[in-house]
Amino acid sequence: MSATDLKPWFREDIARALVSIYFTSKMSDVTGGKNKDYRSGFASALSSVAIMVGINPGEVLAPEDIALLRECADTQ
């Protein structure tokens, strides 16, 4: 791999990648969103990566998943 093959990652690129991962997880959820543990775990992991790279999880996750994360945090 040469140096010309490397592309710097910008915030927008990472945000688009996270949205793609999130969309794929939503489309492949065979429970239809009924498995709360799966949804909250996946949303938590994705939001952790978003925060790590300086992206607001609200830019990546749907409002209902943000609410689920808040609900889970309140019960801990």
PDB file of N, CA and C in Angstrom:
ATOM      1  N   MET A   1       0.840  -1.173   0.000  1.00  0.00           N
ATOM      2  CA  MET A   1       0.000   0.000   0.000  1.00  0.00           C
ATOM      3  C   MET A   1       0.886   1.238   0.000  1.00  0.00           C
ATOM      4  N   SER A   2       0.628   2.118  -0.916  1.00  0.00           N
ATOM      5  CA  SER A   2       1.417   3.348  -0.979  1.00  0.00           C
ATOM      6  C   SER A   2       0.724   4.452  -0.187  1.00  0.00           C
ATOM      7  N   ALA A   3       1.450   5.500   0.055  1.00  0.00           N
ATOM      8  CA  ALA A   3       0.899   6.626   0.805  1.00  0.00           C
ATOM      9  C   ALA A   3      -0.265   7.273   0.064  1.00  0.00           C
ATOM     10  N   THR A   4      -0.299   7.151  -1.252  1.00  0.00           N
ATOM     11  CA  THR A   4      -1.398   7.752  -2.015  1.00  0.00           C
ATOM     12  C   THR A   4      -2.700   6.964  -1.856  1.00  0.00           C
ATOM     13  N   ASP A   5      -2.612   5.732  -1.353  1.00  0.00           N
ATOM     14  CA  ASP A   5      -3.810   4.934  -1.134  1.00  0.00           C
ATOM     15  C   ASP A   5      -4.521   5.296   0.165  1.00  0.00           C
ATOM     16  N   LEU A   6      -3.842   5.996   1.032  1.00  0.00           N
ATOM     17  CA  LEU A   6      -4.421   6.341   2.319  1.00  0.00           C
ATOM     18  C   LEU A   6      -5.296   7.583   2.191  1.00  0.00           C
ATOM     19  N   LYS A   7      -6.443   7.535   2.815  1.00  0.00           N
ATOM     20  CA  LYS A   7      -7.357   8.671   2.806  1.00  0.00           C
ATOM     21  C   LYS A   7      -7.540   9.143   4.240  1.00  0.00           C
ATOM     22  N   PRO A   8      -7.354  10.410   4.487  1.00  0.00           N
ATOM     23  CA  PRO A   8      -7.598  10.880   5.859  1.00  0.00           C
ATOM     24  C   PRO A   8      -9.085  10.772   6.195  1.00  0.00           C
ATOM     25  N   TRP A   9      -9.352  10.371   7.421  1.00  0.00           N
ATOM     26  CA  TRP A   9     -10.735  10.254   7.855  1.00  0.00           C
ATOM     27  C   TRP A   9     -11.173  11.564   8.478  1.00  0.00           C
ATOM     28  N   PHE A  10     -12.217  12.111   7.933  1.00  0.00           N
ATOM     29  CA  PHE A  10     -12.798  13.331   8.467  1.00  0.00           C
ATOM     30  C   PHE A  10     -14.059  12.975   9.236  1.00  0.00           C
ATOM     31  N   ARG A  11     -14.481  13.874  10.070  1.00  0.00           N
ATOM     32  CA  ARG A  11     -15.645  13.661  10.917  1.00  0.00           C
ATOM     33  C   ARG A  11     -16.856  13.215  10.096  1.00  0.00           C
ATOM     34  N   GLU A  12     -17.097  13.850   8.970  1.00  0.00           N
ATOM     35  CA  GLU A  12     -18.248  13.520   8.128  1.00  0.00           C
ATOM     36  C   GLU A  12     -18.148  12.091   7.576  1.00  0.00           C
ATOM     37  N   ASP A  13     -16.922  11.683   7.232  1.00  0.00           N
ATOM     38  CA  ASP A  13     -16.713  10.320   6.737  1.00  0.00           C
ATOM     39  C   ASP A  13     -17.049   9.295   7.812  1.00  0.00           C
ATOM     40  N   ILE A  14     -16.586   9.559   9.022  1.00  0.00           N
ATOM     41  CA  ILE A  14     -16.834   8.640  10.126  1.00  0.00           C
ATOM     42  C   ILE A  14     -18.323   8.619  10.460  1.00  0.00           C
ATOM     43  N   ALA A  15     -18.959   9.786  10.449  1.00  0.00           N
ATOM     44  CA  ALA A  15     -20.394   9.845  10.729  1.00  0.00           C
ATOM     45  C   ALA A  15     -21.177   9.037   9.699  1.00  0.00           C
ATOM     46  N   ARG A  16     -20.813   9.151   8.427  1.00  0.00           N
ATOM     47  CA  ARG A  16     -21.494   8.367   7.383  1.00  0.00           C
ATOM     48  C   ARG A  16     -21.269   6.874   7.581  1.00  0.00           C
ATOM     49  N   ALA A  17     -20.073   6.493   7.986  1.00  0.00           N
ATOM     50  CA  ALA A  17     -19.788   5.079   8.236  1.00  0.00           C
ATOM     51  C   ALA A  17     -20.632   4.560   9.403  1.00  0.00           C
ATOM     52  N   LEU A  18     -20.755   5.351  10.469  1.00  0.00           N
ATOM     53  CA  LEU A  18     -21.564   4.941  11.613  1.00  0.00           C
ATOM     54  C   LEU A  18     -23.039   4.842  11.246  1.00  0.00           C
ATOM     55  N   VAL A  19     -23.517   5.775  10.447  1.00  0.00           N
ATOM     56  CA  VAL A  19     -24.908   5.723   9.996  1.00  0.00           C
ATOM     57  C   VAL A  19     -25.148   4.475   9.150  1.00  0.00           C
ATOM     58  N   SER A  20     -24.182   4.127   8.314  1.00  0.00           N
ATOM     59  CA  SER A  20     -24.308   2.913   7.498  1.00  0.00           C
ATOM     60  C   SER A  20     -24.380   1.665   8.368  1.00  0.00           C
ATOM     61  N   ILE A  21     -23.537   1.603   9.382  1.00  0.00           N
ATOM     62  CA  ILE A  21     -23.547   0.464  10.306  1.00  0.00           C
ATOM     63  C   ILE A  21     -24.886   0.411  11.044  1.00  0.00           C
ATOM     64  N   TYR A  22     -25.345   1.562  11.495  1.00  0.00           N
ATOM     65  CA  TYR A  22     -26.614   1.641  12.222  1.00  0.00           C
ATOM     66  C   TYR A  22     -27.777   1.205  11.328  1.00  0.00           C
ATOM     67  N   PHE A  23     -27.801   1.695  10.108  1.00  0.00           N
ATOM     68  CA  PHE A  23     -28.865   1.334   9.170  1.00  0.00           C
ATOM     69  C   PHE A  23     -28.878  -0.177   8.929  1.00  0.00           C
ATOM     70  N   THR A  24     -27.709  -0.742   8.736  1.00  0.00           N
ATOM     71  CA  THR A  24     -27.615  -2.185   8.514  1.00  0.00           C
ATOM     72  C   THR A  24     -28.134  -2.958   9.719  1.00  0.00           C
ATOM     73  N   SER A  25     -27.810  -2.498  10.916  1.00  0.00           N
ATOM     74  CA  SER A  25     -28.282  -3.197  12.114  1.00  0.00           C
ATOM     75  C   SER A  25     -29.799  -3.103  12.233  1.00  0.00           C
ATOM     76  N   LYS A  26     -30.366  -1.966  11.867  1.00  0.00           N
ATOM     77  CA  LYS A  26     -31.819  -1.804  11.923  1.00  0.00           C
ATOM     78  C   LYS A  26     -32.495  -2.709  10.904  1.00  0.00           C
ATOM     79  N   MET A  27     -31.908  -2.842   9.740  1.00  0.00           N
ATOM     80  CA  MET A  27     -32.500  -3.654   8.679  1.00  0.00           C
ATOM     81  C   MET A  27     -32.358  -5.150   8.975  1.00  0.00           C
ATOM     82  N   SER A  28     -31.329  -5.526   9.710  1.00  0.00           N
ATOM     83  CA  SER A  28     -31.097  -6.947   9.969  1.00  0.00           C
ATOM     84  C   SER A  28     -31.678  -7.412  11.301  1.00  0.00           C
ATOM     85  N   ASP A  29     -32.363  -6.535  12.013  1.00  0.00           N
ATOM     86  CA  ASP A  29     -32.960  -6.904  13.296  1.00  0.00           C
ATOM     87  C   ASP A  29     -34.183  -7.782  13.050  1.00  0.00           C
ATOM     88  N   VAL A  30     -34.003  -9.083  13.183  1.00  0.00           N
ATOM     89  CA  VAL A  30     -35.080 -10.031  12.882  1.00  0.00           C
ATOM     90  C   VAL A  30     -36.220  -9.976  13.908  1.00  0.00           C
ATOM     91  N   THR A  31     -35.990  -9.323  15.041  1.00  0.00           N
ATOM     92  CA  THR A  31     -37.043  -9.238  16.051  1.00  0.00           C
ATOM     93  C   THR A  31     -37.978  -8.061  15.805  1.00  0.00           C
ATOM     94  N   GLY A  32     -37.670  -7.268  14.781  1.00  0.00           N
ATOM     95  CA  GLY A  32     -38.507  -6.105  14.518  1.00  0.00           C
ATOM     96  C   GLY A  32     -38.402  -5.033  15.581  1.00  0.00           C
ATOM     97  N   GLY A  33     -37.271  -4.971  16.251  1.00  0.00           N
ATOM     98  CA  GLY A  33     -37.046  -3.961  17.277  1.00  0.00           C
ATOM     99  C   GLY A  33     -37.629  -4.326  18.632  1.00  0.00           C
ATOM    100  N   LYS A  34     -38.105  -5.564  18.776  1.00  0.00           N
ATOM    101  CA  LYS A  34     -38.730  -5.965  20.032  1.00  0.00           C
ATOM    102  C   LYS A  34     -37.726  -6.427  21.082  1.00  0.00           C
ATOM    103  N   ASN A  35     -36.512  -6.758  20.678  1.00  0.00           N
ATOM    104  CA  ASN A  35     -35.492  -7.199  21.624  1.00  0.00           C
ATOM    105  C   ASN A  35     -34.782  -5.961  22.183  1.00  0.00           C
ATOM    106  N   LYS A  36     -35.257  -5.505  23.310  1.00  0.00           N
ATOM    107  CA  LYS A  36     -34.760  -4.265  23.912  1.00  0.00           C
ATOM    108  C   LYS A  36     -33.282  -4.356  24.296  1.00  0.00           C
ATOM    109  N   ASP A  37     -32.852  -5.529  24.765  1.00  0.00           N
ATOM    110  CA  ASP A  37     -31.448  -5.696  25.152  1.00  0.00           C
ATOM    111  C   ASP A  37     -30.530  -5.566  23.940  1.00  0.00           C
ATOM    112  N   TYR A  38     -30.918  -6.171  22.823  1.00  0.00           N
ATOM    113  CA  TYR A  38     -30.117  -6.068  21.594  1.00  0.00           C
ATOM    114  C   TYR A  38     -30.047  -4.620  21.132  1.00  0.00           C
ATOM    115  N   ARG A  39     -31.210  -3.976  21.070  1.00  0.00           N
ATOM    116  CA  ARG A  39     -31.249  -2.586  20.597  1.00  0.00           C
ATOM    117  C   ARG A  39     -30.416  -1.668  21.474  1.00  0.00           C
ATOM    118  N   SER A  40     -30.583  -1.788  22.787  1.00  0.00           N
ATOM    119  CA  SER A  40     -29.850  -0.883  23.681  1.00  0.00           C
ATOM    120  C   SER A  40     -28.357  -1.183  23.661  1.00  0.00           C
ATOM    121  N   GLY A  41     -27.988  -2.457  23.563  1.00  0.00           N
ATOM    122  CA  GLY A  41     -26.567  -2.810  23.498  1.00  0.00           C
ATOM    123  C   GLY A  41     -25.907  -2.296  22.240  1.00  0.00           C
ATOM    124  N   PHE A  42     -26.593  -2.473  21.108  1.00  0.00           N
ATOM    125  CA  PHE A  42     -26.029  -2.007  19.846  1.00  0.00           C
ATOM    126  C   PHE A  42     -25.946  -0.485  19.831  1.00  0.00           C
ATOM    127  N   ALA A  43     -27.010   0.179  20.269  1.00  0.00           N
ATOM    128  CA  ALA A  43     -27.020   1.640  20.305  1.00  0.00           C
ATOM    129  C   ALA A  43     -25.944   2.168  21.246  1.00  0.00           C
ATOM    130  N   SER A  44     -25.748   1.495  22.353  1.00  0.00           N
ATOM    131  CA  SER A  44     -24.722   1.895  23.308  1.00  0.00           C
ATOM    132  C   SER A  44     -23.324   1.773  22.708  1.00  0.00           C
ATOM    133  N   ALA A  45     -23.068   0.662  22.045  1.00  0.00           N
ATOM    134  CA  ALA A  45     -21.753   0.460  21.428  1.00  0.00           C
ATOM    135  C   ALA A  45     -21.495   1.486  20.326  1.00  0.00           C
ATOM    136  N   LEU A  46     -22.497   1.713  19.490  1.00  0.00           N
ATOM    137  CA  LEU A  46     -22.323   2.664  18.395  1.00  0.00           C
ATOM    138  C   LEU A  46     -22.163   4.087  18.920  1.00  0.00           C
ATOM    139  N   SER A  47     -22.921   4.446  19.946  1.00  0.00           N
ATOM    140  CA  SER A  47     -22.789   5.793  20.496  1.00  0.00           C
ATOM    141  C   SER A  47     -21.435   5.977  21.185  1.00  0.00           C
ATOM    142  N   SER A  48     -20.887   4.917  21.756  1.00  0.00           N
ATOM    143  CA  SER A  48     -19.558   5.001  22.369  1.00  0.00           C
ATOM    144  C   SER A  48     -18.494   5.325  21.326  1.00  0.00           C
ATOM    145  N   VAL A  49     -18.593   4.671  20.173  1.00  0.00           N
ATOM    146  CA  VAL A  49     -17.644   4.952  19.086  1.00  0.00           C
ATOM    147  C   VAL A  49     -17.843   6.382  18.600  1.00  0.00           C
ATOM    148  N   ALA A  50     -19.088   6.807  18.455  1.00  0.00           N
ATOM    149  CA  ALA A  50     -19.369   8.173  17.998  1.00  0.00           C
ATOM    150  C   ALA A  50     -18.756   9.197  18.955  1.00  0.00           C
ATOM    151  N   ILE A  51     -18.976   9.005  20.234  1.00  0.00           N
ATOM    152  CA  ILE A  51     -18.429   9.944  21.227  1.00  0.00           C
ATOM    153  C   ILE A  51     -16.902   9.947  21.183  1.00  0.00           C
ATOM    154  N   MET A  52     -16.314   8.774  21.014  1.00  0.00           N
ATOM    155  CA  MET A  52     -14.859   8.670  20.971  1.00  0.00           C
ATOM    156  C   MET A  52     -14.258   9.515  19.846  1.00  0.00           C
ATOM    157  N   VAL A  53     -14.955   9.596  18.715  1.00  0.00           N
ATOM    158  CA  VAL A  53     -14.411  10.350  17.581  1.00  0.00           C
ATOM    159  C   VAL A  53     -15.010  11.750  17.474  1.00  0.00           C
ATOM    160  N   GLY A  54     -15.758  12.160  18.504  1.00  0.00           N
ATOM    161  CA  GLY A  54     -16.256  13.524  18.564  1.00  0.00           C
ATOM    162  C   GLY A  54     -17.548  13.783  17.815  1.00  0.00           C
ATOM    163  N   ILE A  55     -18.372  12.752  17.678  1.00  0.00           N
ATOM    164  CA  ILE A  55     -19.648  12.888  16.985  1.00  0.00           C
ATOM    165  C   ILE A  55     -20.771  12.718  18.001  1.00  0.00           C
ATOM    166  N   ASN A  56     -21.753  13.603  17.946  1.00  0.00           N
ATOM    167  CA  ASN A  56     -22.914  13.508  18.817  1.00  0.00           C
ATOM    168  C   ASN A  56     -23.721  12.277  18.411  1.00  0.00           C
ATOM    169  N   PRO A  57     -23.989  11.345  19.324  1.00  0.00           N
ATOM    170  CA  PRO A  57     -24.761  10.153  18.978  1.00  0.00           C
ATOM    171  C   PRO A  57     -26.128  10.478  18.371  1.00  0.00           C
ATOM    172  N   GLY A  58     -26.678  11.637  18.696  1.00  0.00           N
ATOM    173  CA  GLY A  58     -27.954  12.053  18.123  1.00  0.00           C
ATOM    174  C   GLY A  58     -27.894  12.272  16.625  1.00  0.00           C
ATOM    175  N   GLU A  59     -26.690  12.447  16.088  1.00  0.00           N
ATOM    176  CA  GLU A  59     -26.529  12.592  14.650  1.00  0.00           C
ATOM    177  C   GLU A  59     -26.546  11.239  13.949  1.00  0.00           C
ATOM    178  N   VAL A  60     -26.365  10.169  14.703  1.00  0.00           N
ATOM    179  CA  VAL A  60     -26.247   8.833  14.135  1.00  0.00           C
ATOM    180  C   VAL A  60     -27.471   7.977  14.435  1.00  0.00           C
ATOM    181  N   LEU A  61     -27.943   8.025  15.674  1.00  0.00           N
ATOM    182  CA  LEU A  61     -29.025   7.150  16.123  1.00  0.00           C
ATOM    183  C   LEU A  61     -30.395   7.805  15.957  1.00  0.00           C
ATOM    184  N   ALA A  62     -31.410   6.965  15.821  1.00  0.00           N
ATOM    185  CA  ALA A  62     -32.789   7.446  15.768  1.00  0.00           C
ATOM    186  C   ALA A  62     -33.207   7.943  17.149  1.00  0.00           C
ATOM    187  N   PRO A  63     -34.128   8.895  17.202  1.00  0.00           N
ATOM    188  CA  PRO A  63     -34.573   9.432  18.506  1.00  0.00           C
ATOM    189  C   PRO A  63     -35.075   8.353  19.461  1.00  0.00           C
ATOM    190  N   GLU A  64     -35.739   7.319  18.947  1.00  0.00           N
ATOM    191  CA  GLU A  64     -36.246   6.273  19.845  1.00  0.00           C
ATOM    192  C   GLU A  64     -35.112   5.470  20.479  1.00  0.00           C
ATOM    193  N   ASP A  65     -33.985   5.346  19.782  1.00  0.00           N
ATOM    194  CA  ASP A  65     -32.844   4.644  20.374  1.00  0.00           C
ATOM    195  C   ASP A  65     -32.102   5.529  21.371  1.00  0.00           C
ATOM    196  N   ILE A  66     -32.080   6.824  21.127  1.00  0.00           N
ATOM    197  CA  ILE A  66     -31.512   7.758  22.121  1.00  0.00           C
ATOM    198  C   ILE A  66     -32.355   7.694  23.398  1.00  0.00           C
ATOM    199  N   ALA A  67     -33.681   7.679  23.235  1.00  0.00           N
ATOM    200  CA  ALA A  67     -34.574   7.577  24.402  1.00  0.00           C
ATOM    201  C   ALA A  67     -34.356   6.259  25.136  1.00  0.00           C
ATOM    202  N   LEU A  68     -34.139   5.182  24.393  1.00  0.00           N
ATOM    203  CA  LEU A  68     -33.870   3.880  25.008  1.00  0.00           C
ATOM    204  C   LEU A  68     -32.578   3.919  25.810  1.00  0.00           C
ATOM    205  N   LEU A  69     -31.544   4.566  25.285  1.00  0.00           N
ATOM    206  CA  LEU A  69     -30.284   4.685  26.021  1.00  0.00           C
ATOM    207  C   LEU A  69     -30.486   5.474  27.305  1.00  0.00           C
ATOM    208  N   ARG A  70     -31.265   6.544  27.230  1.00  0.00           N
ATOM    209  CA  ARG A  70     -31.533   7.342  28.426  1.00  0.00           C
ATOM    210  C   ARG A  70     -32.314   6.532  29.461  1.00  0.00           C
ATOM    211  N   GLU A  71     -33.272   5.767  28.980  1.00  0.00           N
ATOM    212  CA  GLU A  71     -34.071   4.927  29.864  1.00  0.00           C
ATOM    213  C   GLU A  71     -33.199   3.885  30.560  1.00  0.00           C
ATOM    214  N   CYS A  72     -32.325   3.266  29.808  1.00  0.00           N
ATOM    215  CA  CYS A  72     -31.421   2.253  30.384  1.00  0.00           C
ATOM    216  C   CYS A  72     -30.455   2.883  31.371  1.00  0.00           C
ATOM    217  N   ALA A  73     -29.993   4.091  31.083  1.00  0.00           N
ATOM    218  CA  ALA A  73     -29.062   4.775  31.988  1.00  0.00           C
ATOM    219  C   ALA A  73     -29.761   5.148  33.297  1.00  0.00           C
ATOM    220  N   ASP A  74     -31.036   5.491  33.215  1.00  0.00           N
ATOM    221  CA  ASP A  74     -31.784   5.868  34.409  1.00  0.00           C
ATOM    222  C   ASP A  74     -32.038   4.681  35.337  1.00  0.00           C
ATOM    223  N   THR A  75     -32.080   3.475  34.767  1.00  0.00           N
ATOM    224  CA  THR A  75     -32.354   2.293  35.578  1.00  0.00           C
ATOM    225  C   THR A  75     -31.095   1.685  36.179  1.00  0.00           C
ATOM    226  N   GLN A  76     -29.931   2.178  35.774  1.00  0.00           N
ATOM    227  CA  GLN A  76     -28.676   1.627  36.270  1.00  0.00           C
ATOM    228  C   GLN A  76     -28.329   2.190  37.616  1.00  0.00           C
TER     229      GLN A  76
END
